[in-house]
Amino acid sequence: MTHLFLELDERLVLGVQQDGYQWTEHLFRLPLQHLRNSPNDLQGLKIRWCELYSTTGKDQGVELLPQATVVTPNNFEASTLSGLEKLETVEDLKEAARLIYEQGPQYVVVKGGMDFPGENAVDVLFDGSSYHVFSEPKIGEERVSGAGCTFAAVITAELAKGAEVVDAVATAKRVVTRAVQDAVASNAPFTSVWLAEDNK
């Protein structure tokens, strides 16, 4: 089985220019075209979702969501995709996950993150029938660069090794929590997650 980890950036769907290069929705269609051209080879699509319901990305989001095995929107992305104004309770996260699930992916993990009220970082996984809540104490009060990307990448790696989705998400939550604890200073606006050798 071949698994594709696809990182979608808001620059891509917003069509902005950076470093003299035009990011457009045409790039957005490349993974979808690959899916259509290689249906027997590509059996799993893992996506970290980024602002697909922007002006230029809405139609593409509708097309791509049903192709996804797992989507992992953060608080803002989940609010955008679900149409809910605020995600402030576990029930809000569950409802957002359900609404996004109805758009086609097989599994949805809504991440409460730093924007979620309270002392815990709460994520909710929905598989169409059951909810799984993952909660760990928040570490510090500042955002840490790379946490969301690492979370999705760990899920992808675990699924590629044959893990069930709920187990893959549990592993990702554990690894990212530790990586945030081990965060280091970087040239990014925030500190960056650090994956220690024994963090598995």
N, C-alpha and C. Protein backbone atom coordinates (compact mmCIF):
# COMPACT_ATOMS: atom_id res chain seq x y z
N MET A 1 0.84 -1.20 0.00
CA MET A 1 0.00 0.00 0.00
C MET A 1 0.87 1.25 0.00
N THR A 2 0.54 2.20 -0.83
CA THR A 2 1.27 3.46 -0.89
C THR A 2 0.47 4.53 -0.17
N HIS A 3 1.13 5.28 0.71
CA HIS A 3 0.47 6.37 1.42
C HIS A 3 1.10 7.69 1.01
N LEU A 4 0.28 8.66 0.75
CA LEU A 4 0.76 9.99 0.38
C LEU A 4 0.47 10.95 1.51
N PHE A 5 1.49 11.63 1.99
CA PHE A 5 1.28 12.71 2.95
C PHE A 5 1.31 14.01 2.18
N LEU A 6 0.21 14.74 2.22
CA LEU A 6 0.06 15.96 1.44
C LEU A 6 -0.10 17.14 2.38
N GLU A 7 0.83 18.05 2.34
CA GLU A 7 0.77 19.26 3.15
C GLU A 7 0.23 20.39 2.30
N LEU A 8 -0.95 20.87 2.62
CA LEU A 8 -1.57 21.95 1.86
C LEU A 8 -1.37 23.25 2.60
N ASP A 9 -0.82 24.23 1.92
CA ASP A 9 -0.49 25.50 2.54
C ASP A 9 -1.50 26.55 2.12
N GLU A 10 -1.84 27.46 3.05
CA GLU A 10 -2.82 28.48 2.72
C GLU A 10 -2.35 29.36 1.56
N ARG A 11 -1.03 29.49 1.36
CA ARG A 11 -0.55 30.28 0.23
C ARG A 11 -1.02 29.69 -1.08
N LEU A 12 -1.11 28.38 -1.11
CA LEU A 12 -1.50 27.69 -2.33
C LEU A 12 -2.95 28.00 -2.70
N VAL A 13 -3.86 27.91 -1.73
CA VAL A 13 -5.25 28.11 -2.06
C VAL A 13 -5.63 29.58 -2.13
N LEU A 14 -4.84 30.44 -1.53
CA LEU A 14 -5.14 31.87 -1.61
C LEU A 14 -4.54 32.51 -2.85
N GLY A 15 -3.64 31.82 -3.54
CA GLY A 15 -3.08 32.32 -4.78
C GLY A 15 -2.18 33.53 -4.61
N VAL A 16 -1.41 33.58 -3.54
CA VAL A 16 -0.56 34.74 -3.31
C VAL A 16 0.82 34.54 -3.94
N GLN A 17 1.55 35.63 -4.08
CA GLN A 17 2.90 35.55 -4.61
C GLN A 17 3.90 35.54 -3.47
N GLN A 18 4.92 34.70 -3.61
CA GLN A 18 6.00 34.68 -2.64
C GLN A 18 7.29 34.32 -3.37
N ASP A 19 8.34 35.08 -3.10
CA ASP A 19 9.63 34.86 -3.74
C ASP A 19 9.50 34.83 -5.26
N GLY A 20 8.61 35.68 -5.78
CA GLY A 20 8.45 35.78 -7.24
C GLY A 20 7.69 34.63 -7.85
N TYR A 21 7.12 33.75 -7.04
CA TYR A 21 6.42 32.59 -7.57
C TYR A 21 4.94 32.70 -7.26
N GLN A 22 4.10 32.41 -8.24
CA GLN A 22 2.67 32.51 -8.06
C GLN A 22 2.09 31.17 -7.59
N TRP A 23 1.59 31.16 -6.36
CA TRP A 23 0.92 29.97 -5.85
C TRP A 23 -0.52 30.03 -6.31
N THR A 24 -1.00 29.03 -7.01
CA THR A 24 -2.36 29.06 -7.53
C THR A 24 -3.08 27.75 -7.29
N GLU A 25 -4.37 27.77 -7.60
CA GLU A 25 -5.15 26.55 -7.44
C GLU A 25 -4.73 25.46 -8.40
N HIS A 26 -3.94 25.82 -9.46
CA HIS A 26 -3.46 24.78 -10.38
C HIS A 26 -2.55 23.80 -9.63
N LEU A 27 -1.74 24.30 -8.72
CA LEU A 27 -0.89 23.42 -7.93
C LEU A 27 -1.74 22.54 -7.02
N PHE A 28 -2.85 23.09 -6.57
CA PHE A 28 -3.75 22.35 -5.70
C PHE A 28 -4.26 21.09 -6.40
N ARG A 29 -4.44 21.18 -7.72
CA ARG A 29 -5.03 20.07 -8.46
C ARG A 29 -4.03 18.94 -8.74
N LEU A 30 -2.76 19.17 -8.53
CA LEU A 30 -1.77 18.14 -8.84
C LEU A 30 -2.00 16.85 -8.05
N PRO A 31 -2.20 16.91 -6.72
CA PRO A 31 -2.42 15.65 -6.00
C PRO A 31 -3.71 14.96 -6.42
N LEU A 32 -4.74 15.76 -6.74
CA LEU A 32 -6.00 15.17 -7.18
C LEU A 32 -5.82 14.47 -8.52
N GLN A 33 -5.05 15.09 -9.41
CA GLN A 33 -4.76 14.46 -10.70
C GLN A 33 -4.00 13.16 -10.50
N HIS A 34 -3.05 13.16 -9.56
CA HIS A 34 -2.29 11.94 -9.28
C HIS A 34 -3.20 10.83 -8.79
N LEU A 35 -4.16 11.19 -7.93
CA LEU A 35 -5.11 10.21 -7.43
C LEU A 35 -5.88 9.56 -8.57
N ARG A 36 -6.31 10.39 -9.51
CA ARG A 36 -7.12 9.89 -10.60
C ARG A 36 -6.30 9.04 -11.57
N ASN A 37 -5.01 9.39 -11.71
CA ASN A 37 -4.17 8.66 -12.66
C ASN A 37 -3.60 7.37 -12.09
N SER A 38 -3.58 7.25 -10.76
CA SER A 38 -2.97 6.08 -10.13
C SER A 38 -3.91 5.47 -9.09
N PRO A 39 -5.13 5.12 -9.46
CA PRO A 39 -6.09 4.64 -8.47
C PRO A 39 -5.69 3.33 -7.81
N ASN A 40 -4.94 2.49 -8.50
CA ASN A 40 -4.56 1.20 -7.94
C ASN A 40 -3.33 1.30 -7.04
N ASP A 41 -2.52 2.31 -7.29
CA ASP A 41 -1.28 2.47 -6.54
C ASP A 41 -1.50 3.23 -5.25
N LEU A 42 -2.32 4.27 -5.32
CA LEU A 42 -2.49 5.16 -4.18
C LEU A 42 -3.77 4.79 -3.44
N GLN A 43 -3.62 4.09 -2.34
CA GLN A 43 -4.79 3.62 -1.61
C GLN A 43 -5.09 4.46 -0.37
N GLY A 44 -4.17 5.30 0.02
CA GLY A 44 -4.40 6.11 1.22
C GLY A 44 -3.94 7.53 1.00
N LEU A 45 -4.72 8.50 1.38
CA LEU A 45 -4.35 9.90 1.27
C LEU A 45 -4.48 10.55 2.63
N LYS A 46 -3.38 11.07 3.15
CA LYS A 46 -3.39 11.70 4.46
C LYS A 46 -3.15 13.20 4.27
N ILE A 47 -4.02 14.00 4.81
CA ILE A 47 -3.96 15.43 4.52
C ILE A 47 -3.99 16.25 5.80
N ARG A 48 -3.12 17.21 5.89
CA ARG A 48 -3.30 18.27 6.88
C ARG A 48 -4.01 19.38 6.13
N TRP A 49 -5.16 19.81 6.63
CA TRP A 49 -6.05 20.68 5.87
C TRP A 49 -5.77 22.14 6.17
N CYS A 50 -5.71 22.97 5.16
CA CYS A 50 -5.41 24.39 5.38
C CYS A 50 -6.34 25.30 4.59
N GLU A 51 -7.30 25.87 5.22
CA GLU A 51 -8.11 26.96 4.69
C GLU A 51 -8.63 26.68 3.28
N LEU A 52 -9.22 25.53 3.06
CA LEU A 52 -9.64 25.17 1.72
C LEU A 52 -10.91 25.89 1.27
N TYR A 53 -11.58 26.53 2.19
CA TYR A 53 -12.80 27.22 1.80
C TYR A 53 -12.55 28.72 1.59
N SER A 54 -11.34 29.07 1.26
CA SER A 54 -11.05 30.44 0.85
C SER A 54 -11.65 30.66 -0.53
N THR A 55 -11.58 31.87 -1.02
CA THR A 55 -12.21 32.21 -2.29
C THR A 55 -11.74 31.32 -3.43
N THR A 56 -10.43 31.08 -3.51
CA THR A 56 -9.91 30.30 -4.63
C THR A 56 -9.91 28.81 -4.36
N GLY A 57 -10.07 28.41 -3.09
CA GLY A 57 -9.91 27.00 -2.77
C GLY A 57 -11.18 26.22 -2.52
N LYS A 58 -12.35 26.87 -2.48
CA LYS A 58 -13.56 26.17 -2.07
C LYS A 58 -13.89 24.98 -2.96
N ASP A 59 -13.93 25.21 -4.26
CA ASP A 59 -14.29 24.12 -5.16
C ASP A 59 -13.30 22.97 -5.08
N GLN A 60 -12.01 23.32 -4.98
CA GLN A 60 -11.00 22.28 -4.90
C GLN A 60 -11.13 21.49 -3.60
N GLY A 61 -11.51 22.17 -2.51
CA GLY A 61 -11.69 21.49 -1.24
C GLY A 61 -12.82 20.49 -1.31
N VAL A 62 -13.91 20.87 -1.97
CA VAL A 62 -15.04 19.96 -2.13
C VAL A 62 -14.61 18.73 -2.91
N GLU A 63 -13.74 18.91 -3.91
CA GLU A 63 -13.27 17.79 -4.72
C GLU A 63 -12.34 16.88 -3.95
N LEU A 64 -11.47 17.45 -3.14
CA LEU A 64 -10.39 16.67 -2.54
C LEU A 64 -10.79 16.01 -1.22
N LEU A 65 -11.68 16.63 -0.46
CA LEU A 65 -12.05 16.06 0.83
C LEU A 65 -12.53 14.61 0.75
N PRO A 66 -13.37 14.26 -0.22
CA PRO A 66 -13.83 12.86 -0.29
C PRO A 66 -12.72 11.86 -0.61
N GLN A 67 -11.56 12.34 -1.09
CA GLN A 67 -10.45 11.46 -1.40
C GLN A 67 -9.60 11.16 -0.17
N ALA A 68 -9.85 11.90 0.91
CA ALA A 68 -8.96 11.83 2.07
C ALA A 68 -9.32 10.69 3.01
N THR A 69 -8.32 10.02 3.52
CA THR A 69 -8.52 9.05 4.58
C THR A 69 -8.65 9.78 5.92
N VAL A 70 -7.70 10.67 6.20
CA VAL A 70 -7.70 11.41 7.46
C VAL A 70 -7.45 12.88 7.17
N VAL A 71 -8.25 13.75 7.78
CA VAL A 71 -7.95 15.18 7.74
C VAL A 71 -7.74 15.65 9.17
N THR A 72 -6.81 16.58 9.36
CA THR A 72 -6.45 17.02 10.71
C THR A 72 -6.48 18.55 10.83
N PRO A 73 -7.65 19.16 10.69
CA PRO A 73 -7.71 20.63 10.76
C PRO A 73 -7.47 21.14 12.18
N ASN A 74 -6.77 22.27 12.26
CA ASN A 74 -6.62 22.92 13.56
C ASN A 74 -7.90 23.67 13.89
N ASN A 75 -7.90 24.40 14.99
CA ASN A 75 -9.10 25.07 15.47
C ASN A 75 -9.67 26.02 14.42
N PHE A 76 -8.83 26.86 13.87
CA PHE A 76 -9.29 27.83 12.88
C PHE A 76 -9.76 27.14 11.60
N GLU A 77 -9.00 26.18 11.14
CA GLU A 77 -9.35 25.46 9.91
C GLU A 77 -10.65 24.70 10.08
N ALA A 78 -10.82 24.07 11.25
CA ALA A 78 -12.04 23.32 11.51
C ALA A 78 -13.25 24.23 11.58
N SER A 79 -13.06 25.40 12.17
CA SER A 79 -14.15 26.37 12.23
C SER A 79 -14.54 26.80 10.82
N THR A 80 -13.54 27.03 9.97
CA THR A 80 -13.79 27.44 8.59
C THR A 80 -14.50 26.35 7.80
N LEU A 81 -14.01 25.13 7.91
CA LEU A 81 -14.57 24.02 7.14
C LEU A 81 -15.97 23.63 7.62
N SER A 82 -16.21 23.74 8.92
CA SER A 82 -17.50 23.31 9.47
C SER A 82 -18.56 24.40 9.42
N GLY A 83 -18.10 25.65 9.35
CA GLY A 83 -19.04 26.76 9.38
C GLY A 83 -19.42 27.20 10.78
N LEU A 84 -18.83 26.57 11.79
CA LEU A 84 -19.10 26.97 13.18
C LEU A 84 -18.27 28.18 13.54
N GLU A 85 -18.88 29.12 14.24
CA GLU A 85 -18.19 30.38 14.54
C GLU A 85 -17.06 30.18 15.54
N LYS A 86 -17.31 29.39 16.59
CA LYS A 86 -16.30 29.19 17.63
C LYS A 86 -16.28 27.73 18.07
N LEU A 87 -15.11 27.26 18.42
CA LEU A 87 -14.94 25.91 18.96
C LEU A 87 -14.37 26.05 20.36
N GLU A 88 -15.24 26.05 21.36
CA GLU A 88 -14.81 26.36 22.72
C GLU A 88 -15.08 25.24 23.72
N THR A 89 -15.78 24.19 23.30
CA THR A 89 -16.05 23.06 24.18
C THR A 89 -15.76 21.77 23.43
N VAL A 90 -15.66 20.67 24.16
CA VAL A 90 -15.45 19.37 23.51
C VAL A 90 -16.62 19.07 22.59
N GLU A 91 -17.83 19.46 22.99
CA GLU A 91 -19.00 19.24 22.13
C GLU A 91 -18.88 20.03 20.84
N ASP A 92 -18.30 21.23 20.91
CA ASP A 92 -18.06 22.01 19.68
C ASP A 92 -17.10 21.28 18.76
N LEU A 93 -16.03 20.74 19.33
CA LEU A 93 -15.06 20.00 18.52
C LEU A 93 -15.71 18.79 17.87
N LYS A 94 -16.56 18.11 18.62
CA LYS A 94 -17.26 16.94 18.08
C LYS A 94 -18.18 17.33 16.94
N GLU A 95 -18.91 18.42 17.11
CA GLU A 95 -19.82 18.86 16.06
C GLU A 95 -19.06 19.29 14.81
N ALA A 96 -17.94 19.97 14.99
CA ALA A 96 -17.12 20.37 13.84
C ALA A 96 -16.61 19.13 13.10
N ALA A 97 -16.15 18.14 13.87
CA ALA A 97 -15.66 16.91 13.25
C ALA A 97 -16.77 16.23 12.46
N ARG A 98 -17.97 16.20 13.02
CA ARG A 98 -19.10 15.56 12.33
C ARG A 98 -19.44 16.29 11.03
N LEU A 99 -19.46 17.61 11.08
CA LEU A 99 -19.80 18.40 9.89
C LEU A 99 -18.75 18.24 8.79
N ILE A 100 -17.49 18.17 9.19
CA ILE A 100 -16.42 17.98 8.19
C ILE A 100 -16.48 16.56 7.65
N TYR A 101 -16.77 15.60 8.51
CA TYR A 101 -16.90 14.21 8.06
C TYR A 101 -17.96 14.09 6.97
N GLU A 102 -19.04 14.83 7.10
CA GLU A 102 -20.12 14.78 6.12
C GLU A 102 -19.68 15.27 4.74
N GLN A 103 -18.52 15.92 4.68
CA GLN A 103 -18.01 16.40 3.40
C GLN A 103 -17.13 15.36 2.69
N GLY A 104 -16.95 14.19 3.29
CA GLY A 104 -16.33 13.12 2.53
C GLY A 104 -15.16 12.34 3.08
N PRO A 105 -14.33 12.89 3.98
CA PRO A 105 -13.19 12.10 4.46
C PRO A 105 -13.65 10.94 5.31
N GLN A 106 -12.79 9.93 5.43
CA GLN A 106 -13.14 8.76 6.24
C GLN A 106 -13.00 9.02 7.73
N TYR A 107 -12.03 9.85 8.10
CA TYR A 107 -11.78 10.18 9.50
C TYR A 107 -11.45 11.67 9.60
N VAL A 108 -11.87 12.28 10.70
CA VAL A 108 -11.57 13.69 10.95
C VAL A 108 -10.99 13.82 12.35
N VAL A 109 -9.86 14.51 12.46
CA VAL A 109 -9.29 14.84 13.77
C VAL A 109 -9.29 16.36 13.90
N VAL A 110 -10.16 16.89 14.74
CA VAL A 110 -10.19 18.33 14.99
C VAL A 110 -9.30 18.62 16.18
N LYS A 111 -8.34 19.53 15.96
CA LYS A 111 -7.36 19.86 17.01
C LYS A 111 -7.74 21.17 17.69
N GLY A 112 -7.99 21.10 19.00
CA GLY A 112 -8.33 22.32 19.73
C GLY A 112 -7.17 23.28 19.82
N GLY A 113 -5.99 22.74 20.10
CA GLY A 113 -4.77 23.55 20.13
C GLY A 113 -4.78 24.64 21.19
N MET A 114 -3.92 25.64 20.99
CA MET A 114 -3.77 26.74 21.95
C MET A 114 -5.02 27.62 22.00
N ASP A 115 -5.83 27.60 20.93
CA ASP A 115 -7.03 28.44 20.89
C ASP A 115 -8.18 27.85 21.70
N PHE A 116 -8.04 26.60 22.11
CA PHE A 116 -9.11 25.96 22.87
C PHE A 116 -9.03 26.40 24.33
N PRO A 117 -10.14 26.88 24.91
CA PRO A 117 -10.10 27.36 26.31
C PRO A 117 -9.73 26.25 27.28
N GLY A 118 -9.08 26.65 28.37
CA GLY A 118 -8.76 25.70 29.41
C GLY A 118 -7.31 25.30 29.45
N GLU A 119 -6.99 24.39 30.34
CA GLU A 119 -5.61 24.00 30.59
C GLU A 119 -5.13 22.85 29.71
N ASN A 120 -6.05 22.21 28.99
CA ASN A 120 -5.68 21.04 28.21
C ASN A 120 -5.75 21.30 26.70
N ALA A 121 -4.84 20.67 25.98
CA ALA A 121 -4.89 20.65 24.51
C ALA A 121 -5.72 19.43 24.13
N VAL A 122 -6.89 19.67 23.55
CA VAL A 122 -7.86 18.61 23.30
C VAL A 122 -8.03 18.40 21.79
N ASP A 123 -7.97 17.15 21.38
CA ASP A 123 -8.23 16.77 19.98
C ASP A 123 -9.37 15.76 19.96
N VAL A 124 -10.20 15.81 18.93
CA VAL A 124 -11.32 14.88 18.80
C VAL A 124 -11.24 14.17 17.45
N LEU A 125 -11.27 12.85 17.50
CA LEU A 125 -11.30 12.01 16.30
C LEU A 125 -12.71 11.49 16.10
N PHE A 126 -13.23 11.61 14.87
CA PHE A 126 -14.55 11.08 14.53
C PHE A 126 -14.43 10.18 13.31
N ASP A 127 -15.02 8.98 13.41
CA ASP A 127 -14.92 8.01 12.32
C ASP A 127 -16.26 7.74 11.64
N GLY A 128 -17.24 8.60 11.92
CA GLY A 128 -18.55 8.41 11.34
C GLY A 128 -19.55 7.83 12.30
N SER A 129 -19.06 7.20 13.36
CA SER A 129 -19.97 6.63 14.35
C SER A 129 -19.51 6.87 15.79
N SER A 130 -18.20 6.91 16.00
CA SER A 130 -17.67 7.06 17.36
C SER A 130 -16.72 8.25 17.45
N TYR A 131 -16.72 8.86 18.63
CA TYR A 131 -15.80 9.94 18.92
C TYR A 131 -14.72 9.44 19.89
N HIS A 132 -13.48 9.89 19.66
CA HIS A 132 -12.39 9.59 20.57
C HIS A 132 -11.76 10.92 20.97
N VAL A 133 -11.66 11.17 22.26
CA VAL A 133 -11.12 12.44 22.76
C VAL A 133 -9.71 12.19 23.30
N PHE A 134 -8.77 13.01 22.85
CA PHE A 134 -7.38 12.93 23.29
C PHE A 134 -7.04 14.25 23.99
N SER A 135 -6.58 14.18 25.21
CA SER A 135 -6.34 15.39 25.98
C SER A 135 -5.03 15.30 26.75
N GLU A 136 -4.24 16.34 26.66
CA GLU A 136 -2.99 16.46 27.40
C GLU A 136 -2.88 17.89 27.92
N PRO A 137 -2.25 18.10 29.08
CA PRO A 137 -2.06 19.47 29.57
C PRO A 137 -1.29 20.32 28.56
N LYS A 138 -1.73 21.57 28.40
CA LYS A 138 -1.01 22.49 27.53
C LYS A 138 0.38 22.75 28.12
N ILE A 139 1.33 22.99 27.22
CA ILE A 139 2.71 23.25 27.63
C ILE A 139 3.03 24.70 27.29
N GLY A 140 3.12 25.55 28.30
CA GLY A 140 3.39 26.95 28.05
C GLY A 140 2.17 27.66 27.49
N GLU A 141 2.39 28.90 27.09
CA GLU A 141 1.29 29.73 26.58
C GLU A 141 1.54 30.22 25.16
N GLU A 142 2.61 29.78 24.55
CA GLU A 142 2.95 30.24 23.21
C GLU A 142 2.82 29.11 22.20
N ARG A 143 2.55 29.46 20.97
CA ARG A 143 2.47 28.47 19.90
C ARG A 143 3.86 27.92 19.60
N VAL A 144 3.90 26.69 19.13
CA VAL A 144 5.16 26.04 18.79
C VAL A 144 5.10 25.63 17.32
N SER A 145 6.05 26.11 16.56
CA SER A 145 6.06 25.83 15.12
C SER A 145 6.29 24.35 14.83
N GLY A 146 5.54 23.81 13.89
CA GLY A 146 5.76 22.44 13.45
C GLY A 146 4.90 21.40 14.14
N ALA A 147 4.12 21.80 15.14
CA ALA A 147 3.33 20.81 15.89
C ALA A 147 2.28 20.15 15.00
N GLY A 148 1.54 20.96 14.25
CA GLY A 148 0.49 20.40 13.40
C GLY A 148 1.03 19.53 12.28
N CYS A 149 2.11 19.98 11.67
CA CYS A 149 2.72 19.19 10.59
C CYS A 149 3.24 17.86 11.12
N THR A 150 3.87 17.91 12.30
CA THR A 150 4.40 16.69 12.89
C THR A 150 3.28 15.73 13.26
N PHE A 151 2.20 16.27 13.77
CA PHE A 151 1.04 15.46 14.14
C PHE A 151 0.53 14.67 12.93
N ALA A 152 0.33 15.36 11.82
CA ALA A 152 -0.17 14.69 10.61
C ALA A 152 0.85 13.71 10.06
N ALA A 153 2.13 14.07 10.12
CA ALA A 153 3.17 13.19 9.59
C ALA A 153 3.28 11.90 10.40
N VAL A 154 3.14 12.00 11.73
CA VAL A 154 3.20 10.80 12.57
C VAL A 154 2.01 9.89 12.27
N ILE A 155 0.83 10.47 12.12
CA ILE A 155 -0.34 9.67 11.74
C ILE A 155 -0.07 8.92 10.45
N THR A 156 0.46 9.64 9.47
CA THR A 156 0.78 9.03 8.17
C THR A 156 1.74 7.87 8.32
N ALA A 157 2.82 8.08 9.09
CA ALA A 157 3.83 7.04 9.27
C ALA A 157 3.24 5.81 9.97
N GLU A 158 2.42 6.06 10.98
CA GLU A 158 1.83 4.94 11.71
C GLU A 158 0.86 4.15 10.83
N LEU A 159 0.08 4.83 10.02
CA LEU A 159 -0.84 4.14 9.12
C LEU A 159 -0.07 3.33 8.08
N ALA A 160 1.04 3.90 7.62
CA ALA A 160 1.87 3.18 6.64
C ALA A 160 2.45 1.90 7.25
N LYS A 161 2.62 1.89 8.57
CA LYS A 161 3.13 0.70 9.26
C LYS A 161 2.03 -0.29 9.61
N GLY A 162 0.78 0.09 9.30
CA GLY A 162 -0.33 -0.83 9.52
C GLY A 162 -1.17 -0.56 10.75
N ALA A 163 -0.93 0.55 11.44
CA ALA A 163 -1.69 0.85 12.65
C ALA A 163 -3.13 1.24 12.31
N GLU A 164 -4.04 1.01 13.25
CA GLU A 164 -5.40 1.50 13.12
C GLU A 164 -5.38 3.02 13.33
N VAL A 165 -6.37 3.71 12.78
CA VAL A 165 -6.37 5.17 12.84
C VAL A 165 -6.37 5.67 14.28
N VAL A 166 -7.20 5.10 15.14
CA VAL A 166 -7.26 5.59 16.52
C VAL A 166 -5.92 5.41 17.22
N ASP A 167 -5.22 4.33 16.93
CA ASP A 167 -3.89 4.11 17.53
C ASP A 167 -2.87 5.07 16.93
N ALA A 168 -2.98 5.34 15.63
CA ALA A 168 -2.07 6.28 14.98
C ALA A 168 -2.23 7.68 15.56
N VAL A 169 -3.47 8.08 15.83
CA VAL A 169 -3.71 9.41 16.41
C VAL A 169 -3.18 9.46 17.84
N ALA A 170 -3.38 8.40 18.59
CA ALA A 170 -2.86 8.36 19.96
C ALA A 170 -1.35 8.49 19.98
N THR A 171 -0.68 7.81 19.06
CA THR A 171 0.78 7.91 18.96
C THR A 171 1.19 9.32 18.59
N ALA A 172 0.49 9.89 17.62
CA ALA A 172 0.81 11.26 17.19
C ALA A 172 0.65 12.25 18.33
N LYS A 173 -0.40 12.08 19.12
CA LYS A 173 -0.63 12.98 20.26
C LYS A 173 0.52 12.86 21.26
N ARG A 174 0.96 11.66 21.54
CA ARG A 174 2.05 11.43 22.49
C ARG A 174 3.36 12.01 21.97
N VAL A 175 3.67 11.75 20.70
CA VAL A 175 4.93 12.22 20.11
C VAL A 175 4.97 13.75 20.05
N VAL A 176 3.86 14.36 19.64
CA VAL A 176 3.84 15.81 19.51
C VAL A 176 3.89 16.49 20.87
N THR A 177 3.21 15.92 21.87
CA THR A 177 3.28 16.48 23.22
C THR A 177 4.72 16.52 23.71
N ARG A 178 5.43 15.43 23.52
CA ARG A 178 6.84 15.38 23.92
C ARG A 178 7.67 16.35 23.08
N ALA A 179 7.39 16.42 21.78
CA ALA A 179 8.15 17.31 20.90
C ALA A 179 7.95 18.78 21.27
N VAL A 180 6.77 19.12 21.76
CA VAL A 180 6.51 20.48 22.23
C VAL A 180 7.27 20.73 23.53
N GLN A 181 7.31 19.74 24.40
CA GLN A 181 8.08 19.86 25.64
C GLN A 181 9.55 20.11 25.34
N ASP A 182 10.05 19.50 24.28
CA ASP A 182 11.46 19.59 23.91
C ASP A 182 11.74 20.73 22.93
N ALA A 183 10.79 21.62 22.72
CA ALA A 183 10.91 22.67 21.71
C ALA A 183 12.19 23.48 21.87
N VAL A 184 12.72 23.93 20.73
CA VAL A 184 13.96 24.71 20.71
C VAL A 184 13.75 26.02 19.97
N ALA A 185 14.61 26.98 20.27
CA ALA A 185 14.53 28.25 19.57
C ALA A 185 14.89 28.06 18.10
N SER A 186 14.24 28.86 17.24
CA SER A 186 14.52 28.77 15.80
C SER A 186 14.40 30.14 15.18
N ASN A 187 14.59 30.20 13.86
CA ASN A 187 14.45 31.47 13.14
C ASN A 187 13.00 31.75 12.78
N ALA A 188 12.10 30.84 13.12
CA ALA A 188 10.68 31.04 12.88
C ALA A 188 10.11 32.00 13.92
N PRO A 189 8.89 32.50 13.71
CA PRO A 189 8.30 33.40 14.71
C PRO A 189 8.11 32.75 16.07
N PHE A 190 8.02 31.41 16.10
CA PHE A 190 7.83 30.69 17.35
C PHE A 190 8.97 29.71 17.54
N THR A 191 9.07 29.17 18.75
CA THR A 191 9.99 28.05 18.94
C THR A 191 9.50 26.88 18.10
N SER A 192 10.37 25.91 17.88
CA SER A 192 10.06 24.79 16.99
C SER A 192 10.06 23.47 17.76
N VAL A 193 9.16 22.58 17.38
CA VAL A 193 9.16 21.25 17.99
C VAL A 193 10.51 20.58 17.74
N TRP A 194 10.88 19.71 18.66
CA TRP A 194 12.12 18.96 18.53
C TRP A 194 11.84 17.49 18.77
N LEU A 195 12.20 16.66 17.78
CA LEU A 195 11.98 15.23 17.91
C LEU A 195 13.25 14.55 18.41
N ALA A 196 13.28 14.28 19.71
CA ALA A 196 14.42 13.59 20.30
C ALA A 196 14.47 12.16 19.80
N GLU A 197 15.64 11.58 19.82
CA GLU A 197 15.82 10.23 19.29
C GLU A 197 14.95 9.19 20.00
N ASP A 198 14.69 9.42 21.28
CA ASP A 198 13.90 8.44 22.03
C ASP A 198 12.40 8.76 22.04
N ASN A 199 12.00 9.76 21.24
CA ASN A 199 10.59 10.14 21.16
C ASN A 199 9.93 9.36 20.04
N LYS A 200 9.32 8.22 20.39
CA LYS A 200 8.71 7.35 19.38
C LYS A 200 7.32 6.94 19.80
